């Protein structure tokens, strides 16, 4: 078996195995054409294949993304396109490719990695840990009617998404700099919604500044308004978009959109009624997962003023001892003794860094051992946080 990185001209060699994994197959000629266009936005990914006698047995792709981690934007390795030939499954090929991809990401100075798993347990064995799931909100326009009579400062514009794409980018860029966990695609993939131009876009503005955005489609008269992710930087931007949606009461039967994990849709309007769900299924959809790949590269993250010595166990990239210090409110990381009493898996460490697990949860999940004397220090160094990955890939 040979492992190699394919170039852009070879992207077609992985299409059959990817299509078999993710599509209704065999492919129709129309779907082949659509997938060829889909692949055109991904030619600059780092794609690795495992081959035997010229046949692709498995493949993984790395996307050079960026992510806000506790207020600091870092290069991020997004992982996608993890597939295996059905006759080659359960032979370790994907694991081998994943470790190689993580190594390459580390060499490219990408200290964190995020993916959407086909099965969380598989990626947990590679050190990944689950992050909060977004919320899907389904309601009727009438449930937002209490917003219609409000005199809100600002305005809403609606256009085809290509016309308002710069407003979307402005909001995304602002969130990347301010929202923990927020992710951003590279330029070669970032503009696909604009180029496809298959959605409407509602944007909220105040004083010349975009403060909310929602891409959406309408299925039919009396049908559904199907939205994407509701982006807003505060209550006003959200209310302006929702008031706009309320105006569709005599046009559509229902509204569906995606919201951040921390949003509270039940409080969006006085008479809100509907369903608010975070759906987790195998193989899809599942919440995102993350892992730390390079701990020293995260030095400088905002941290509480405390110190802790930790040992990361059973990890090819981070295994060993580390001394962590939050003096001055910024994290410093130095190599330490591998005999520290705090013993963490890389998933346990990732839970601390992203703020989704505290010392008690780490032990309860079997992701480490934290003596009583170190609990307060770790909880102070890494206070709870609420990451939102935003992108699906």
Protein backbone atom coordinates (compact mmCIF):
# COMPACT_ATOMS: atom_id res chain seq x y z
CA UNK A 1 0.00 0.00 0.00
CA UNK A 2 1.22 3.49 -0.89
CA UNK A 3 0.18 6.74 0.80
CA UNK A 4 0.58 9.91 -1.20
CA UNK A 5 -0.81 13.40 -1.66
CA UNK A 6 -2.63 13.87 -4.93
CA UNK A 7 -2.50 17.07 -6.94
CA UNK A 8 -5.38 19.09 -8.31
CA UNK A 9 -5.26 17.36 -11.69
CA UNK A 10 -5.90 14.02 -9.98
CA UNK A 11 -9.01 15.05 -8.02
CA UNK A 12 -11.11 12.75 -10.16
CA UNK A 13 -9.39 9.62 -8.83
CA UNK A 14 -11.16 9.95 -5.47
CA UNK A 15 -14.60 10.79 -6.89
CA UNK A 16 -15.78 7.17 -7.22
CA UNK A 17 -14.99 6.24 -3.61
CA UNK A 18 -16.31 9.56 -2.29
CA UNK A 19 -19.49 9.25 -4.30
CA UNK A 20 -20.04 5.72 -3.03
CA UNK A 21 -19.67 6.96 0.57
CA UNK A 22 -21.76 10.11 0.42
CA UNK A 23 -24.10 9.93 -2.58
CA UNK A 24 -27.02 8.01 -4.02
CA UNK A 25 -25.19 5.66 -6.34
CA UNK A 26 -24.59 4.69 -9.08
CA UNK A 27 -24.30 8.31 -10.14
CA UNK A 28 -26.43 9.77 -12.90
CA UNK A 29 -24.67 11.80 -15.61
CA UNK A 30 -26.27 14.97 -14.19
CA UNK A 31 -24.96 14.23 -10.70
CA UNK A 32 -21.47 13.53 -12.04
CA UNK A 33 -21.51 16.99 -13.59
CA UNK A 34 -22.68 18.52 -10.29
CA UNK A 35 -19.99 16.71 -8.32
CA UNK A 36 -17.33 17.84 -10.76
CA UNK A 37 -18.35 21.43 -10.01
CA UNK A 38 -18.43 20.63 -6.28
CA UNK A 39 -14.87 19.30 -6.47
CA UNK A 40 -13.72 22.43 -8.29
CA UNK A 41 -14.05 24.39 -5.02
CA UNK A 42 -11.81 21.87 -3.23
CA UNK A 43 -8.85 21.41 -5.56
CA UNK A 44 -6.46 23.20 -3.19
CA UNK A 45 -7.26 20.96 -0.23
CA UNK A 46 -4.52 18.64 1.01
CA UNK A 47 -5.90 15.29 -0.15
CA UNK A 48 -4.17 12.05 0.81
CA UNK A 49 -4.94 8.66 -0.67
CA UNK A 50 -4.02 5.11 0.22
CA UNK A 51 -3.52 3.13 -2.99
CA UNK A 52 -2.89 -0.48 -3.85
CA UNK A 53 -2.14 -1.56 -7.42
CA UNK A 54 -3.34 1.86 -8.59
CA UNK A 55 -6.72 1.60 -6.85
CA UNK A 56 -7.77 4.16 -4.22
CA UNK A 57 -8.57 2.29 -1.00
CA UNK A 58 -9.16 5.33 1.22
CA UNK A 59 -8.84 9.10 1.18
CA UNK A 60 -8.90 12.08 3.55
CA UNK A 61 -8.75 15.82 2.88
CA UNK A 62 -7.43 18.71 4.92
CA UNK A 63 -8.86 22.20 4.46
CA UNK A 64 -6.61 25.15 5.42
CA UNK A 65 -9.08 27.06 7.58
CA UNK A 66 -8.94 29.50 10.49
CA UNK A 67 -10.59 29.35 13.89
CA UNK A 68 -11.09 31.65 16.86
CA UNK A 69 -9.89 29.87 20.00
CA UNK A 70 -10.76 31.87 23.12
CA UNK A 71 -10.45 35.14 21.24
CA UNK A 72 -7.27 34.38 19.27
CA UNK A 73 -7.49 33.41 15.58
CA UNK A 74 -5.32 30.41 14.67
CA UNK A 75 -4.76 28.45 11.48
CA UNK A 76 -6.92 25.33 11.65
CA UNK A 77 -6.91 21.97 9.90
CA UNK A 78 -10.45 21.21 8.78
CA UNK A 79 -10.87 17.52 8.00
CA UNK A 80 -13.38 16.31 5.41
CA UNK A 81 -13.87 13.73 2.70
CA UNK A 82 -12.91 10.80 4.93
CA UNK A 83 -13.84 7.76 2.85
CA UNK A 84 -12.90 4.14 2.32
CA UNK A 85 -13.57 1.59 -0.38
CA UNK A 86 -16.17 -0.85 1.06
CA UNK A 87 -13.82 -3.78 0.42
CA UNK A 88 -10.99 -2.06 2.29
CA UNK A 89 -12.81 -0.95 5.43
CA UNK A 90 -11.70 -1.87 8.97
CA UNK A 91 -8.12 -2.41 7.84
CA UNK A 92 -6.66 0.74 9.42
CA UNK A 93 -6.23 2.75 6.22
CA UNK A 94 -8.26 5.76 7.38
CA UNK A 95 -6.47 5.87 10.72
CA UNK A 96 -3.10 5.83 8.96
CA UNK A 97 -4.18 8.62 6.63
CA UNK A 98 -5.61 10.70 9.49
CA UNK A 99 -2.39 10.53 11.51
CA UNK A 100 -0.41 11.55 8.42
CA UNK A 101 -2.81 14.43 7.76
CA UNK A 102 -2.55 15.65 11.38
CA UNK A 103 1.23 15.49 11.15
CA UNK A 104 1.17 17.58 7.99
CA UNK A 105 -1.21 20.06 9.60
CA UNK A 106 1.15 20.42 12.55
CA UNK A 107 4.05 21.02 10.18
CA UNK A 108 1.95 23.71 8.47
CA UNK A 109 1.56 25.39 11.90
CA UNK A 110 -2.11 24.51 12.32
CA UNK A 111 -2.37 23.89 16.07
CA UNK A 112 -6.04 22.81 16.11
CA UNK A 113 -8.21 20.58 13.97
CA UNK A 114 -11.99 20.32 13.57
CA UNK A 115 -14.18 17.83 11.72
CA UNK A 116 -17.75 16.55 11.49
CA UNK A 117 -17.63 12.83 12.30
CA UNK A 118 -19.31 9.90 10.60
CA UNK A 119 -18.95 8.17 13.98
CA UNK A 120 -17.68 10.06 17.01
CA UNK A 121 -16.14 6.96 18.64
CA UNK A 122 -13.76 6.49 15.71
CA UNK A 123 -12.38 10.02 15.95
CA UNK A 124 -12.30 9.88 19.76
CA UNK A 125 -9.60 7.23 19.36
CA UNK A 126 -7.63 9.82 17.42
CA UNK A 127 -7.95 12.39 20.22
CA UNK A 128 -10.96 14.37 19.01
CA UNK A 129 -13.63 15.62 21.42
CA UNK A 130 -17.20 16.66 20.70
CA UNK A 131 -18.21 20.34 20.69
CA UNK A 132 -21.72 21.80 21.13
CA UNK A 133 -24.22 21.15 18.35
CA UNK A 134 -26.03 23.99 16.57
CA UNK A 135 -29.78 24.31 17.03
CA UNK A 136 -32.37 23.81 14.33
CA UNK A 137 -35.42 25.99 14.83
CA UNK A 138 -38.74 25.26 13.11
CA UNK A 139 -41.66 27.61 13.67
CA UNK A 140 -44.56 29.33 11.93
CA UNK A 141 -44.30 32.97 10.84
CA UNK A 142 -47.25 33.75 13.14
CA UNK A 143 -45.13 32.77 16.14
CA UNK A 144 -42.94 35.80 15.43
CA UNK A 145 -45.84 38.23 15.00
CA UNK A 146 -45.15 40.07 18.26
CA UNK A 147 -42.16 41.63 16.49
CA UNK A 148 -44.21 43.14 13.65
CA UNK A 149 -45.42 46.15 15.59
CA UNK A 150 -42.03 47.10 16.98
CA UNK A 151 -40.36 50.29 15.82
CA UNK A 152 -36.79 49.01 15.63
CA UNK A 153 -33.85 51.18 14.57
CA UNK A 154 -32.28 49.88 11.39
CA UNK A 155 -33.48 48.25 8.18
CA UNK A 156 -33.63 44.91 6.40
CA UNK A 157 -32.63 44.35 2.79
CA UNK A 158 -33.29 41.20 0.80
CA UNK A 159 -31.53 40.27 -2.43
CA UNK A 160 -30.08 37.30 -4.24
CA UNK A 161 -27.12 36.16 -2.20
CA UNK A 162 -24.55 37.15 -4.82
CA UNK A 163 -25.66 40.80 -4.55
CA UNK A 164 -25.28 40.89 -0.78
CA UNK A 165 -22.29 38.60 -0.42
CA UNK A 166 -19.95 41.35 0.78
CA UNK A 167 -22.28 41.94 3.73
CA UNK A 168 -22.08 38.26 4.65
CA UNK A 169 -18.30 38.37 4.49
CA UNK A 170 -18.19 41.47 6.70
CA UNK A 171 -20.28 39.74 9.36
CA UNK A 172 -18.29 36.51 9.15
CA UNK A 173 -15.00 38.40 9.48
CA UNK A 174 -16.29 40.21 12.54
CA UNK A 175 -17.39 36.95 14.14
CA UNK A 176 -14.06 35.28 13.37
CA UNK A 177 -12.35 37.94 15.42
CA UNK A 178 -14.78 37.92 18.33
CA UNK A 179 -16.58 34.55 18.66
CA UNK A 180 -14.91 31.56 20.33
CA UNK A 181 -14.92 28.52 18.05
CA UNK A 182 -15.97 30.41 14.91
CA UNK A 183 -14.40 29.08 11.72
CA UNK A 184 -13.65 30.46 8.27
CA UNK A 185 -12.98 28.76 4.93
CA UNK A 186 -10.02 29.65 2.71
CA UNK A 187 -10.80 32.07 -0.11
CA UNK A 188 -10.95 29.35 -2.76
CA UNK A 189 -13.90 27.73 -1.00
CA UNK A 190 -15.38 30.67 0.85
CA UNK A 191 -17.28 32.12 -2.09
CA UNK A 192 -19.18 29.05 -3.29
CA UNK A 193 -22.62 30.34 -2.09
CA UNK A 194 -22.04 33.57 -4.00
CA UNK A 195 -20.99 31.75 -7.15
CA UNK A 196 -23.90 29.29 -6.95
CA UNK A 197 -26.30 32.21 -6.27
CA UNK A 198 -29.16 29.85 -5.42
CA UNK A 199 -30.47 31.58 -2.28
CA UNK A 200 -32.12 34.76 -1.12
CA UNK A 201 -30.28 36.80 1.51
CA UNK A 202 -31.87 38.94 4.20
CA UNK A 203 -29.48 41.34 5.92
CA UNK A 204 -30.06 43.70 8.85
CA UNK A 205 -28.32 47.08 8.92
CA UNK A 206 -27.95 49.96 11.32
CA UNK A 207 -26.00 53.15 10.69
CA UNK A 208 -24.39 51.64 7.59
CA UNK A 209 -23.19 48.52 9.44
CA UNK A 210 -24.45 44.99 8.78
CA UNK A 211 -25.64 43.41 12.04
CA UNK A 212 -27.49 40.30 10.88
CA UNK A 213 -27.82 37.94 7.93
CA UNK A 214 -29.83 34.90 6.88
CA UNK A 215 -29.61 33.02 3.54
CA UNK A 216 -32.81 31.19 2.64
CA UNK A 217 -34.98 29.60 -0.03
CA UNK A 218 -38.76 29.37 -0.39
CA UNK A 219 -40.00 26.00 -1.56
CA UNK A 220 -43.42 27.10 -2.83
CA UNK A 221 -46.46 29.22 -2.09
CA UNK A 222 -47.85 27.72 1.09
CA UNK A 223 -44.62 25.82 1.52
CA UNK A 224 -41.53 26.31 3.63
CA UNK A 225 -39.00 29.08 4.10
CA UNK A 226 -35.80 27.11 4.57
CA UNK A 227 -33.02 29.19 6.03
CA UNK A 228 -29.35 28.64 6.62
CA UNK A 229 -27.50 29.89 9.67
CA UNK A 230 -28.88 33.00 11.37
CA UNK A 231 -25.90 35.27 11.96
CA UNK A 232 -26.31 38.28 14.22
CA UNK A 233 -24.06 40.28 16.48
CA UNK A 234 -26.74 41.18 19.00
CA UNK A 235 -30.42 41.30 19.84
CA UNK A 236 -31.23 44.08 17.36
CA UNK A 237 -29.80 42.28 14.33
CA UNK A 238 -31.64 39.11 15.29
CA UNK A 239 -34.95 40.92 15.89
CA UNK A 240 -34.78 42.75 12.56
CA UNK A 241 -34.29 39.47 10.66
CA UNK A 242 -37.03 37.70 12.62
CA UNK A 243 -39.46 40.59 12.08
CA UNK A 244 -38.78 40.28 8.35
CA UNK A 245 -39.57 36.55 8.52
CA UNK A 246 -42.80 37.26 10.39
CA UNK A 247 -43.98 39.20 7.34
CA UNK A 248 -44.23 35.91 5.39
CA UNK A 249 -47.25 34.68 7.37
CA UNK A 250 -49.57 34.68 4.35
CA UNK A 251 -46.97 33.14 2.07
CA UNK A 252 -45.30 30.17 3.78
CA UNK A 253 -46.45 27.52 6.22
CA UNK A 254 -43.25 27.19 8.23
CA UNK A 255 -39.77 28.59 8.77
CA UNK A 256 -36.67 26.54 9.49
CA UNK A 257 -33.22 27.92 10.26
CA UNK A 258 -30.05 27.10 12.16
CA UNK A 259 -28.95 28.96 15.28
CA UNK A 260 -25.85 29.03 17.46
CA UNK A 261 -25.69 26.50 20.32
CA UNK A 262 -25.96 29.30 22.90
CA UNK A 263 -29.00 30.97 21.31
CA UNK A 264 -32.33 30.72 23.15
CA UNK A 265 -35.00 30.70 20.43
CA UNK A 266 -37.79 30.13 22.94
CA UNK A 267 -37.24 33.76 24.01
CA UNK A 268 -37.17 35.26 20.53
CA UNK A 269 -40.77 36.45 20.62
CA UNK A 270 -43.71 36.65 23.02
CA UNK A 271 -45.81 33.91 21.46
CA UNK A 272 -43.01 31.71 20.18
CA UNK A 273 -44.09 28.16 19.42
CA UNK A 274 -42.21 25.55 17.47
CA UNK A 275 -39.46 22.98 17.83
CA UNK A 276 -35.87 23.61 18.87
CA UNK A 277 -33.68 20.61 18.25
CA UNK A 278 -30.06 19.52 18.26
CA UNK A 279 -30.12 16.37 16.19
CA UNK A 280 -27.38 13.80 16.65
CA UNK A 281 -27.44 10.65 14.54
CA UNK A 282 -24.99 8.14 13.10
CA UNK A 283 -23.66 8.58 10.52
CA UNK A 284 -25.04 12.09 9.94
CA UNK A 285 -25.63 14.71 11.21
CA UNK A 286 -23.39 14.82 14.25
CA UNK A 287 -21.93 17.72 16.26
CA UNK A 288 -18.42 18.89 15.35
CA UNK A 289 -15.34 17.52 17.05
CA UNK A 290 -12.01 19.22 17.73
CA UNK A 291 -8.55 18.33 18.92
CA UNK A 292 -5.41 20.20 19.87
CA UNK A 293 -2.49 19.26 17.63
CA UNK A 294 0.22 21.63 18.88
CA UNK A 295 -0.07 22.86 22.48
CA UNK A 296 2.95 25.26 22.53
CA UNK A 297 1.51 27.04 19.47
CA UNK A 298 -1.50 28.03 21.60
CA UNK A 299 0.67 30.08 23.97
CA UNK A 300 -0.84 33.53 24.38
CA UNK A 301 -4.45 32.38 24.69
CA UNK A 302 -6.43 34.30 27.32
CA UNK A 303 -6.18 32.31 30.54
CA UNK A 304 -6.92 32.64 34.22
CA UNK A 305 -4.08 33.43 36.60
CA UNK A 306 -3.08 29.99 37.81
CA UNK A 307 -0.41 27.36 37.19
CA UNK A 308 -0.62 23.64 36.54
CA UNK A 309 1.69 20.83 35.53
CA UNK A 310 0.09 18.20 33.29
CA UNK A 311 1.07 15.00 31.56
CA UNK A 312 -0.58 14.22 28.22
CA UNK A 313 -0.72 10.47 27.71
CA UNK A 314 -0.84 8.25 24.64
CA UNK A 315 -0.61 10.90 21.95
CA UNK A 316 1.99 10.99 19.15
CA UNK A 317 1.94 14.79 18.93
CA UNK A 318 1.49 16.08 22.49
CA UNK A 319 2.51 13.16 24.67
CA UNK A 320 4.68 14.15 27.64
CA UNK A 321 4.81 16.75 30.37
CA UNK A 322 3.79 20.41 30.10
CA UNK A 323 3.90 23.34 32.51
CA UNK A 324 1.01 25.76 32.00
CA UNK A 325 0.93 29.28 33.46
CA UNK A 326 -1.72 31.99 33.09
CA UNK A 327 0.25 34.80 34.75
CA UNK A 328 -0.80 38.17 33.36
CA UNK A 329 -3.92 36.64 31.77
CA UNK A 330 -2.08 34.96 28.89
CA UNK A 331 -1.19 31.28 28.64
CA UNK A 332 2.45 30.22 28.57
CA UNK A 333 3.42 26.63 27.73
CA UNK A 334 6.76 25.01 28.53
CA UNK A 335 7.92 21.39 28.42
CA UNK A 336 7.69 19.81 31.86
CA UNK A 337 8.00 16.55 33.70
CA UNK A 338 6.15 13.56 32.35
CA UNK A 339 5.46 12.46 35.92
CA UNK A 340 2.95 15.24 36.71
CA UNK A 341 0.00 13.98 38.75
CA UNK A 342 -2.52 15.58 36.35
CA UNK A 343 -2.75 13.03 33.55
CA UNK A 344 -4.88 13.92 30.55
CA UNK A 345 -5.72 12.34 27.23
CA UNK A 346 -5.47 14.78 24.34
CA UNK A 347 -9.29 14.80 24.28
CA UNK A 348 -9.31 15.85 27.94
CA UNK A 349 -6.82 18.62 27.18
CA UNK A 350 -8.93 19.71 24.21
CA UNK A 351 -11.99 19.90 26.46
CA UNK A 352 -10.13 22.32 28.74
CA UNK A 353 -8.79 24.46 25.90
CA UNK A 354 -12.21 24.81 24.24
CA UNK A 355 -13.95 25.29 27.59
CA UNK A 356 -16.46 22.46 27.21
CA UNK A 357 -15.10 20.19 29.96
CA UNK A 358 -13.97 21.04 33.46
CA UNK A 359 -11.81 18.83 35.71
CA UNK A 360 -14.84 16.98 37.10
CA UNK A 361 -16.23 16.21 33.64
CA UNK A 362 -12.82 15.02 32.44
CA UNK A 363 -12.68 12.39 35.15
CA UNK A 364 -16.34 11.46 34.70
CA UNK A 365 -15.72 10.88 30.99
CA UNK A 366 -12.58 8.80 31.60
CA UNK A 367 -10.42 11.38 29.83
CA UNK A 368 -7.90 11.93 32.59
CA UNK A 369 -7.03 11.99 36.26
CA UNK A 370 -7.06 15.30 38.12
CA UNK A 371 -6.05 15.29 41.82
CA UNK A 372 -8.11 17.50 44.12
CA UNK A 373 -5.17 19.85 44.62
CA UNK A 374 -5.07 20.68 40.89
CA UNK A 375 -8.78 21.08 40.16
CA UNK A 376 -9.09 24.74 41.03
CA UNK A 377 -5.94 25.64 39.10
CA UNK A 378 -7.11 23.93 35.91
CA UNK A 379 -10.61 25.40 36.23
CA UNK A 380 -9.08 28.88 36.65
CA UNK A 381 -6.63 28.49 33.77
CA UNK A 382 -9.37 27.37 31.38
CA UNK A 383 -12.75 28.82 32.44
CA UNK A 384 -15.90 27.45 30.78
CA UNK A 385 -16.57 28.72 27.27
CA UNK A 386 -19.17 28.14 24.57
CA UNK A 387 -17.57 27.44 21.18
CA UNK A 388 -19.56 27.73 17.97
CA UNK A 389 -17.91 26.16 14.91
CA UNK A 390 -20.55 27.70 12.53
CA UNK A 391 -19.40 26.03 9.31
CA UNK A 392 -20.32 22.53 8.18
CA UNK A 393 -17.73 20.82 6.00
